[in-house]
Amino acid sequence: MTLVDWIGTLGVFQILLAYILNVTGKTETNALLFLILNLIGASMACAASLMLDYLPFVILEGVWAMVSLVTLLKRFL
């Protein structure tokens, strides 16, 4: 696996982990853990998509990361 593969895989794993923790009742969508996993995971997946020059996932993961960041900031403001 290349570095891009590792970055993308770890990013997607974090997003999936957040989802699994949410649907199993271990965390809520407004919980700090959920938001951080989504922010970091989506950012990593977006970065990998940029490196692969694959615009659809750059948009998807970029928006996902931005929504997570805004929600996280609102939590503290």
C-alpha atoms as a PDB file:
ATOM      1  CA  MET A   1       0.000   0.000   0.000  1.00  0.00           C
ATOM      2  CA  THR A   2       1.146   3.488  -0.786  1.00  0.00           C
ATOM      3  CA  LEU A   3       1.126   6.467   1.567  1.00  0.00           C
ATOM      4  CA  VAL A   4      -2.017   7.768  -0.146  1.00  0.00           C
ATOM      5  CA  ASP A   5      -3.716   4.400   0.448  1.00  0.00           C
ATOM      6  CA  TRP A   6      -2.799   4.508   4.137  1.00  0.00           C
ATOM      7  CA  ILE A   7      -4.048   8.069   4.592  1.00  0.00           C
ATOM      8  CA  GLY A   8      -7.332   7.306   2.847  1.00  0.00           C
ATOM      9  CA  THR A   9      -7.823   4.004   4.657  1.00  0.00           C
ATOM     10  CA  LEU A  10      -7.185   5.488   8.096  1.00  0.00           C
ATOM     11  CA  GLY A  11      -9.484   8.407   7.314  1.00  0.00           C
ATOM     12  CA  VAL A  12     -12.339   6.181   6.179  1.00  0.00           C
ATOM     13  CA  PHE A  13     -11.782   3.909   9.195  1.00  0.00           C
ATOM     14  CA  GLN A  14     -12.268   6.886  11.528  1.00  0.00           C
ATOM     15  CA  ILE A  15     -15.484   7.911   9.775  1.00  0.00           C
ATOM     16  CA  LEU A  16     -16.805   4.348   9.966  1.00  0.00           C
ATOM     17  CA  LEU A  17     -15.774   4.060  13.607  1.00  0.00           C
ATOM     18  CA  ALA A  18     -17.739   7.217  14.437  1.00  0.00           C
ATOM     19  CA  TYR A  19     -20.757   5.789  12.617  1.00  0.00           C
ATOM     20  CA  ILE A  20     -20.508   2.393  14.338  1.00  0.00           C
ATOM     21  CA  LEU A  21     -20.138   4.012  17.764  1.00  0.00           C
ATOM     22  CA  ASN A  22     -23.190   6.147  17.029  1.00  0.00           C
ATOM     23  CA  VAL A  23     -25.505   3.391  15.806  1.00  0.00           C
ATOM     24  CA  THR A  24     -24.518   1.103  18.684  1.00  0.00           C
ATOM     25  CA  GLY A  25     -25.327   3.840  21.198  1.00  0.00           C
ATOM     26  CA  LYS A  26     -21.747   4.317  22.397  1.00  0.00           C
ATOM     27  CA  THR A  27     -21.679   7.979  21.357  1.00  0.00           C
ATOM     28  CA  GLU A  28     -24.059  10.665  20.138  1.00  0.00           C
ATOM     29  CA  THR A  29     -23.799  12.881  17.091  1.00  0.00           C
ATOM     30  CA  ASN A  30     -23.019  15.942  19.207  1.00  0.00           C
ATOM     31  CA  ALA A  31     -20.370  14.161  21.303  1.00  0.00           C
ATOM     32  CA  LEU A  32     -16.791  15.413  21.104  1.00  0.00           C
ATOM     33  CA  LEU A  33     -15.465  11.959  20.118  1.00  0.00           C
ATOM     34  CA  PHE A  34     -17.956  11.656  17.243  1.00  0.00           C
ATOM     35  CA  LEU A  35     -17.141  15.115  15.896  1.00  0.00           C
ATOM     36  CA  ILE A  36     -13.379  14.696  16.139  1.00  0.00           C
ATOM     37  CA  LEU A  37     -13.428  11.273  14.477  1.00  0.00           C
ATOM     38  CA  ASN A  38     -15.502  12.689  11.631  1.00  0.00           C
ATOM     39  CA  LEU A  39     -13.374  15.831  11.261  1.00  0.00           C
ATOM     40  CA  ILE A  40     -10.025  14.049  11.217  1.00  0.00           C
ATOM     41  CA  GLY A  41     -11.302  11.095   9.202  1.00  0.00           C
ATOM     42  CA  ALA A  42     -12.962  13.221   6.533  1.00  0.00           C
ATOM     43  CA  SER A  43      -9.923  15.506   6.351  1.00  0.00           C
ATOM     44  CA  MET A  44      -7.614  12.536   5.803  1.00  0.00           C
ATOM     45  CA  ALA A  45      -9.938  11.005   3.191  1.00  0.00           C
ATOM     46  CA  CYS A  46     -10.174  14.397   1.466  1.00  0.00           C
ATOM     47  CA  ALA A  47      -6.382  14.732   1.436  1.00  0.00           C
ATOM     48  CA  ALA A  48      -6.013  11.250  -0.074  1.00  0.00           C
ATOM     49  CA  SER A  49      -8.633  12.087  -2.710  1.00  0.00           C
ATOM     50  CA  LEU A  50      -6.728  15.274  -3.543  1.00  0.00           C
ATOM     51  CA  MET A  51      -3.538  13.262  -3.966  1.00  0.00           C
ATOM     52  CA  LEU A  52      -5.401  10.886  -6.271  1.00  0.00           C
ATOM     53  CA  ASP A  53      -6.911  13.851  -8.137  1.00  0.00           C
ATOM     54  CA  TYR A  54     -10.439  12.438  -7.704  1.00  0.00           C
ATOM     55  CA  LEU A  55     -12.721  15.459  -7.476  1.00  0.00           C
ATOM     56  CA  PRO A  56     -16.015  13.752  -6.476  1.00  0.00           C
ATOM     57  CA  PHE A  57     -14.541  12.486  -3.221  1.00  0.00           C
ATOM     58  CA  VAL A  58     -12.610  15.707  -2.631  1.00  0.00           C
ATOM     59  CA  ILE A  59     -15.990  17.460  -2.628  1.00  0.00           C
ATOM     60  CA  LEU A  60     -17.716  14.790  -0.518  1.00  0.00           C
ATOM     61  CA  GLU A  61     -15.028  14.537   2.132  1.00  0.00           C
ATOM     62  CA  GLY A  62     -14.270  18.260   2.079  1.00  0.00           C
ATOM     63  CA  VAL A  63     -17.891  19.117   2.818  1.00  0.00           C
ATOM     64  CA  TRP A  64     -18.030  16.365   5.463  1.00  0.00           C
ATOM     65  CA  ALA A  65     -14.945  17.807   7.164  1.00  0.00           C
ATOM     66  CA  MET A  66     -16.276  21.379   7.000  1.00  0.00           C
ATOM     67  CA  VAL A  67     -19.643  20.410   8.492  1.00  0.00           C
ATOM     68  CA  SER A  68     -17.835  18.537  11.271  1.00  0.00           C
ATOM     69  CA  LEU A  69     -15.575  21.531  11.924  1.00  0.00           C
ATOM     70  CA  VAL A  70     -18.464  24.013  12.046  1.00  0.00           C
ATOM     71  CA  THR A  71     -20.436  21.742  14.374  1.00  0.00           C
ATOM     72  CA  LEU A  72     -17.384  21.300  16.597  1.00  0.00           C
ATOM     73  CA  LEU A  73     -16.784  25.065  16.742  1.00  0.00           C
ATOM     74  CA  LYS A  74     -20.450  25.728  17.580  1.00  0.00           C
ATOM     75  CA  ARG A  75     -20.116  23.272  20.453  1.00  0.00           C
ATOM     76  CA  PHE A  76     -17.507  25.495  22.090  1.00  0.00           C
ATOM     77  CA  LEU A  77     -18.878  28.923  21.168  1.00  0.00           C
END
